[in-house]
N, C-alpha and C. Protein backbone atom coordinates (compact mmCIF):
# COMPACT_ATOMS: atom_id res chain seq x y z
N MET A 1 -1.36 11.33 7.75
CA MET A 1 -0.52 10.19 7.47
C MET A 1 0.12 9.69 8.76
N SER A 2 0.25 8.41 8.84
CA SER A 2 0.90 7.82 10.00
C SER A 2 2.42 7.98 9.89
N ALA A 3 3.10 7.83 11.00
CA ALA A 3 4.56 7.90 10.99
C ALA A 3 5.14 6.81 10.09
N LEU A 4 4.51 5.66 10.07
CA LEU A 4 4.97 4.56 9.23
C LEU A 4 4.81 4.90 7.74
N GLU A 5 3.71 5.52 7.39
CA GLU A 5 3.52 5.96 6.00
C GLU A 5 4.54 7.02 5.62
N GLU A 6 4.84 7.92 6.55
CA GLU A 6 5.84 8.94 6.28
C GLU A 6 7.23 8.31 6.07
N LEU A 7 7.53 7.27 6.84
CA LEU A 7 8.80 6.57 6.66
C LEU A 7 8.86 5.91 5.29
N PHE A 8 7.77 5.28 4.87
CA PHE A 8 7.74 4.68 3.54
C PHE A 8 7.92 5.76 2.46
N ALA A 9 7.26 6.91 2.63
CA ALA A 9 7.40 8.01 1.67
C ALA A 9 8.84 8.49 1.60
N LEU A 10 9.52 8.53 2.74
CA LEU A 10 10.93 8.88 2.77
C LEU A 10 11.77 7.87 1.99
N HIS A 11 11.46 6.59 2.15
CA HIS A 11 12.17 5.54 1.40
C HIS A 11 11.94 5.69 -0.11
N VAL A 12 10.73 6.06 -0.50
CA VAL A 12 10.43 6.28 -1.91
C VAL A 12 11.30 7.41 -2.46
N ARG A 13 11.35 8.51 -1.73
CA ARG A 13 12.16 9.66 -2.20
C ARG A 13 13.64 9.31 -2.24
N ALA A 14 14.13 8.64 -1.19
CA ALA A 14 15.55 8.27 -1.13
C ALA A 14 15.93 7.30 -2.24
N SER A 15 14.97 6.53 -2.73
CA SER A 15 15.22 5.57 -3.81
C SER A 15 15.04 6.19 -5.19
N HIS A 16 14.69 7.47 -5.22
CA HIS A 16 14.50 8.21 -6.47
C HIS A 16 13.45 7.58 -7.37
N LEU A 17 12.40 7.07 -6.75
CA LEU A 17 11.30 6.50 -7.51
C LEU A 17 10.35 7.61 -7.94
N PRO A 18 9.54 7.34 -8.96
CA PRO A 18 8.52 8.34 -9.31
C PRO A 18 7.62 8.60 -8.11
N GLU A 19 7.17 9.81 -7.99
CA GLU A 19 6.31 10.19 -6.86
C GLU A 19 4.98 9.46 -6.95
N PRO A 20 4.61 8.74 -5.90
CA PRO A 20 3.31 8.06 -5.93
C PRO A 20 2.18 9.01 -5.57
N ARG A 21 0.99 8.64 -5.95
CA ARG A 21 -0.19 9.36 -5.50
C ARG A 21 -0.57 8.79 -4.14
N ARG A 22 -0.98 9.63 -3.23
CA ARG A 22 -1.32 9.18 -1.88
C ARG A 22 -2.81 9.32 -1.65
N GLU A 23 -3.36 8.36 -0.90
CA GLU A 23 -4.77 8.34 -0.53
C GLU A 23 -5.68 8.38 -1.76
N HIS A 24 -5.33 7.62 -2.77
CA HIS A 24 -6.11 7.57 -4.01
C HIS A 24 -7.37 6.72 -3.83
N VAL A 25 -8.52 7.30 -4.12
CA VAL A 25 -9.79 6.58 -4.10
C VAL A 25 -9.91 5.87 -5.45
N PHE A 26 -9.91 4.54 -5.43
CA PHE A 26 -9.83 3.80 -6.68
C PHE A 26 -11.14 3.17 -7.14
N ALA A 27 -12.18 3.23 -6.32
CA ALA A 27 -13.42 2.55 -6.69
C ALA A 27 -14.66 3.36 -6.29
N PRO A 28 -14.77 4.61 -6.77
CA PRO A 28 -15.95 5.39 -6.42
C PRO A 28 -17.21 4.64 -6.87
N PRO A 29 -18.30 4.71 -6.17
CA PRO A 29 -18.54 5.56 -5.01
C PRO A 29 -18.03 4.97 -3.70
N ARG A 30 -17.40 3.79 -3.75
CA ARG A 30 -16.80 3.23 -2.54
C ARG A 30 -15.71 4.19 -2.07
N ARG A 31 -15.44 4.17 -0.79
CA ARG A 31 -14.43 5.09 -0.25
C ARG A 31 -13.09 4.40 -0.03
N PHE A 32 -12.91 3.24 -0.66
CA PHE A 32 -11.62 2.55 -0.54
C PHE A 32 -10.51 3.41 -1.13
N ARG A 33 -9.41 3.51 -0.38
CA ARG A 33 -8.27 4.30 -0.82
C ARG A 33 -7.01 3.46 -0.69
N PHE A 34 -6.05 3.75 -1.56
CA PHE A 34 -4.71 3.18 -1.43
C PHE A 34 -3.86 4.17 -0.66
N ASP A 35 -2.97 3.68 0.21
CA ASP A 35 -2.04 4.58 0.89
C ASP A 35 -1.12 5.25 -0.12
N PHE A 36 -0.63 4.46 -1.05
CA PHE A 36 0.26 4.94 -2.12
C PHE A 36 -0.10 4.20 -3.40
N CYS A 37 0.02 4.87 -4.54
CA CYS A 37 -0.14 4.14 -5.79
C CYS A 37 0.56 4.87 -6.93
N TRP A 38 0.88 4.09 -7.92
CA TRP A 38 1.43 4.57 -9.18
C TRP A 38 0.36 4.27 -10.21
N LEU A 39 -0.46 5.28 -10.53
CA LEU A 39 -1.62 5.11 -11.40
C LEU A 39 -1.25 4.55 -12.77
N ASP A 40 -0.17 5.03 -13.34
CA ASP A 40 0.21 4.61 -14.68
C ASP A 40 0.67 3.16 -14.75
N ARG A 41 0.96 2.57 -13.60
CA ARG A 41 1.45 1.19 -13.57
C ARG A 41 0.51 0.24 -12.82
N LEU A 42 -0.58 0.79 -12.30
CA LEU A 42 -1.56 0.01 -11.52
C LEU A 42 -0.90 -0.78 -10.40
N ILE A 43 0.00 -0.09 -9.69
CA ILE A 43 0.66 -0.67 -8.52
C ILE A 43 0.25 0.15 -7.31
N ALA A 44 -0.20 -0.55 -6.28
CA ALA A 44 -0.66 0.10 -5.05
C ALA A 44 0.06 -0.48 -3.85
N VAL A 45 0.21 0.35 -2.83
CA VAL A 45 0.84 -0.06 -1.57
C VAL A 45 -0.10 0.27 -0.43
N GLU A 46 -0.27 -0.70 0.45
CA GLU A 46 -1.01 -0.53 1.68
C GLU A 46 -0.06 -0.78 2.84
N ILE A 47 0.02 0.17 3.76
CA ILE A 47 0.84 0.03 4.96
C ILE A 47 -0.09 -0.38 6.10
N ASP A 48 0.09 -1.59 6.59
CA ASP A 48 -0.77 -2.13 7.65
C ASP A 48 -0.05 -2.04 8.98
N GLY A 49 -0.16 -0.89 9.62
CA GLY A 49 0.43 -0.73 10.94
C GLY A 49 -0.40 -1.47 11.98
N GLY A 50 0.18 -1.71 13.11
CA GLY A 50 -0.55 -2.33 14.20
C GLY A 50 -0.83 -3.80 14.05
N THR A 51 -0.04 -4.51 13.25
CA THR A 51 -0.30 -5.93 13.04
C THR A 51 -0.01 -6.77 14.29
N TRP A 52 0.80 -6.24 15.19
CA TRP A 52 1.13 -6.98 16.41
C TRP A 52 0.37 -6.46 17.62
N THR A 53 -0.51 -5.50 17.38
CA THR A 53 -1.36 -4.97 18.44
C THR A 53 -2.79 -4.99 17.92
N LYS A 54 -3.72 -4.66 18.76
CA LYS A 54 -5.11 -4.62 18.30
C LYS A 54 -5.30 -3.36 17.46
N SER A 55 -5.62 -3.57 16.20
CA SER A 55 -5.88 -2.46 15.29
C SER A 55 -7.03 -2.84 14.37
N ARG A 56 -7.45 -1.92 13.56
CA ARG A 56 -8.54 -2.19 12.62
C ARG A 56 -8.20 -3.36 11.71
N HIS A 57 -6.95 -3.48 11.32
CA HIS A 57 -6.55 -4.55 10.39
C HIS A 57 -6.59 -5.93 11.03
N THR A 58 -6.57 -6.00 12.35
CA THR A 58 -6.50 -7.30 13.01
C THR A 58 -7.84 -7.75 13.60
N THR A 59 -8.88 -6.95 13.45
CA THR A 59 -10.20 -7.39 13.89
C THR A 59 -10.84 -8.19 12.76
N GLY A 60 -11.82 -8.99 13.10
CA GLY A 60 -12.52 -9.75 12.07
C GLY A 60 -13.15 -8.86 11.01
N THR A 61 -13.83 -7.82 11.45
CA THR A 61 -14.48 -6.89 10.51
C THR A 61 -13.45 -6.16 9.67
N GLY A 62 -12.39 -5.68 10.30
CA GLY A 62 -11.35 -4.96 9.57
C GLY A 62 -10.66 -5.83 8.54
N PHE A 63 -10.37 -7.07 8.93
CA PHE A 63 -9.72 -8.00 8.00
C PHE A 63 -10.64 -8.28 6.82
N GLU A 64 -11.93 -8.46 7.10
CA GLU A 64 -12.88 -8.73 6.03
C GLU A 64 -12.96 -7.55 5.06
N LYS A 65 -12.98 -6.33 5.57
CA LYS A 65 -13.00 -5.14 4.71
C LYS A 65 -11.72 -5.04 3.88
N ASP A 66 -10.58 -5.36 4.49
CA ASP A 66 -9.31 -5.34 3.75
C ASP A 66 -9.35 -6.35 2.61
N CYS A 67 -9.92 -7.53 2.85
CA CYS A 67 -10.04 -8.54 1.80
C CYS A 67 -10.93 -8.03 0.67
N GLU A 68 -12.06 -7.45 1.04
CA GLU A 68 -12.98 -6.90 0.04
C GLU A 68 -12.29 -5.84 -0.82
N LYS A 69 -11.55 -4.96 -0.18
CA LYS A 69 -10.82 -3.89 -0.87
C LYS A 69 -9.77 -4.47 -1.82
N THR A 70 -8.98 -5.41 -1.34
CA THR A 70 -7.92 -6.00 -2.16
C THR A 70 -8.51 -6.76 -3.35
N ASN A 71 -9.59 -7.48 -3.12
CA ASN A 71 -10.21 -8.24 -4.21
C ASN A 71 -10.81 -7.32 -5.26
N LEU A 72 -11.45 -6.24 -4.84
CA LEU A 72 -11.99 -5.27 -5.78
C LEU A 72 -10.87 -4.65 -6.62
N ALA A 73 -9.78 -4.33 -5.97
CA ALA A 73 -8.63 -3.77 -6.69
C ALA A 73 -8.10 -4.77 -7.72
N ALA A 74 -8.00 -6.04 -7.35
CA ALA A 74 -7.51 -7.07 -8.28
C ALA A 74 -8.44 -7.19 -9.48
N LEU A 75 -9.74 -7.11 -9.25
CA LEU A 75 -10.69 -7.17 -10.36
C LEU A 75 -10.51 -6.01 -11.33
N GLN A 76 -9.98 -4.90 -10.83
CA GLN A 76 -9.73 -3.73 -11.67
C GLN A 76 -8.33 -3.74 -12.28
N GLY A 77 -7.55 -4.79 -12.01
CA GLY A 77 -6.23 -4.91 -12.61
C GLY A 77 -5.08 -4.39 -11.77
N TRP A 78 -5.33 -4.00 -10.54
CA TRP A 78 -4.27 -3.48 -9.67
C TRP A 78 -3.43 -4.60 -9.08
N ARG A 79 -2.16 -4.33 -8.91
CA ARG A 79 -1.27 -5.17 -8.09
C ARG A 79 -1.12 -4.44 -6.77
N VAL A 80 -1.63 -5.06 -5.70
CA VAL A 80 -1.62 -4.43 -4.38
C VAL A 80 -0.61 -5.14 -3.50
N PHE A 81 0.30 -4.37 -2.95
CA PHE A 81 1.31 -4.89 -2.04
C PHE A 81 0.99 -4.39 -0.64
N ARG A 82 0.93 -5.31 0.32
CA ARG A 82 0.63 -4.96 1.71
C ARG A 82 1.87 -5.20 2.54
N PHE A 83 2.19 -4.19 3.37
CA PHE A 83 3.40 -4.26 4.17
C PHE A 83 3.11 -3.96 5.63
N THR A 84 3.77 -4.72 6.50
CA THR A 84 3.69 -4.49 7.95
C THR A 84 4.72 -3.44 8.35
N SER A 85 4.64 -3.01 9.60
CA SER A 85 5.60 -2.03 10.11
C SER A 85 7.02 -2.57 10.02
N GLY A 86 7.21 -3.84 10.35
CA GLY A 86 8.53 -4.44 10.28
C GLY A 86 9.09 -4.45 8.87
N MET A 87 8.24 -4.69 7.90
CA MET A 87 8.68 -4.71 6.50
C MET A 87 9.09 -3.31 6.03
N VAL A 88 8.37 -2.29 6.49
CA VAL A 88 8.74 -0.92 6.13
C VAL A 88 10.06 -0.56 6.78
N ARG A 89 10.17 -0.81 8.07
CA ARG A 89 11.38 -0.42 8.81
C ARG A 89 12.63 -1.15 8.32
N SER A 90 12.49 -2.42 7.93
CA SER A 90 13.65 -3.20 7.50
C SER A 90 14.12 -2.86 6.09
N GLY A 91 13.27 -2.20 5.32
CA GLY A 91 13.59 -1.90 3.93
C GLY A 91 13.04 -2.93 2.96
N ALA A 92 12.42 -3.99 3.48
CA ALA A 92 11.84 -5.01 2.60
C ALA A 92 10.71 -4.43 1.74
N ALA A 93 9.93 -3.51 2.29
CA ALA A 93 8.82 -2.93 1.54
C ALA A 93 9.32 -2.16 0.33
N ILE A 94 10.27 -1.27 0.53
CA ILE A 94 10.75 -0.47 -0.59
C ILE A 94 11.47 -1.34 -1.61
N ALA A 95 12.18 -2.37 -1.17
CA ALA A 95 12.85 -3.28 -2.10
C ALA A 95 11.82 -3.98 -3.00
N THR A 96 10.71 -4.38 -2.42
CA THR A 96 9.65 -5.03 -3.20
C THR A 96 9.06 -4.07 -4.21
N VAL A 97 8.81 -2.83 -3.80
CA VAL A 97 8.23 -1.84 -4.70
C VAL A 97 9.20 -1.51 -5.83
N ILE A 98 10.46 -1.38 -5.53
CA ILE A 98 11.45 -1.11 -6.58
C ILE A 98 11.41 -2.22 -7.62
N GLU A 99 11.37 -3.47 -7.17
CA GLU A 99 11.31 -4.60 -8.10
C GLU A 99 10.02 -4.58 -8.92
N ALA A 100 8.89 -4.30 -8.28
CA ALA A 100 7.62 -4.26 -8.98
C ALA A 100 7.60 -3.15 -10.04
N LEU A 101 8.13 -1.99 -9.70
CA LEU A 101 8.14 -0.88 -10.66
C LEU A 101 9.07 -1.18 -11.84
N ARG A 102 10.16 -1.89 -11.58
CA ARG A 102 11.07 -2.27 -12.68
C ARG A 102 10.39 -3.24 -13.64
N GLU A 103 9.56 -4.15 -13.10
CA GLU A 103 8.91 -5.15 -13.92
C GLU A 103 7.95 -4.55 -14.93
N VAL A 104 7.34 -3.41 -14.60
CA VAL A 104 6.35 -2.82 -15.50
C VAL A 104 6.86 -1.55 -16.18
N ALA A 105 8.12 -1.25 -16.02
CA ALA A 105 8.67 -0.03 -16.63
C ALA A 105 8.80 -0.17 -18.14
C-alpha cells in the first residue's frame, strides 16, 4: 500500500466507518482491483497518487486503462470515487465517502 492509501485508511478508522475491503478484484478474470471498497454497498474508492507528476495515471495508456476499469465497474453497478493526493490530505476524500455511505445505509 502506498503512504497515501495508508493515510486514507487512517481517515476511515478515525471516522469509525465500516472496515472496507482492500485490493478487491471486482471483474475476474480481469485483474482490475479497487483500492478500497464496501462490497455490501457497491461503493469503491480509487486513490490516484502522482496526479501532478508523471505516473501511470497520467500517461495516455494509464488513463485509458483507468477509464476502462471505471466503466466496467459502472456497468456492474458500482459507484467509484477517485481521489487525488490533495483530496486525501485535505479530508475531502473521507468527507465524500462518509456522505456516500450515509446515502446507501
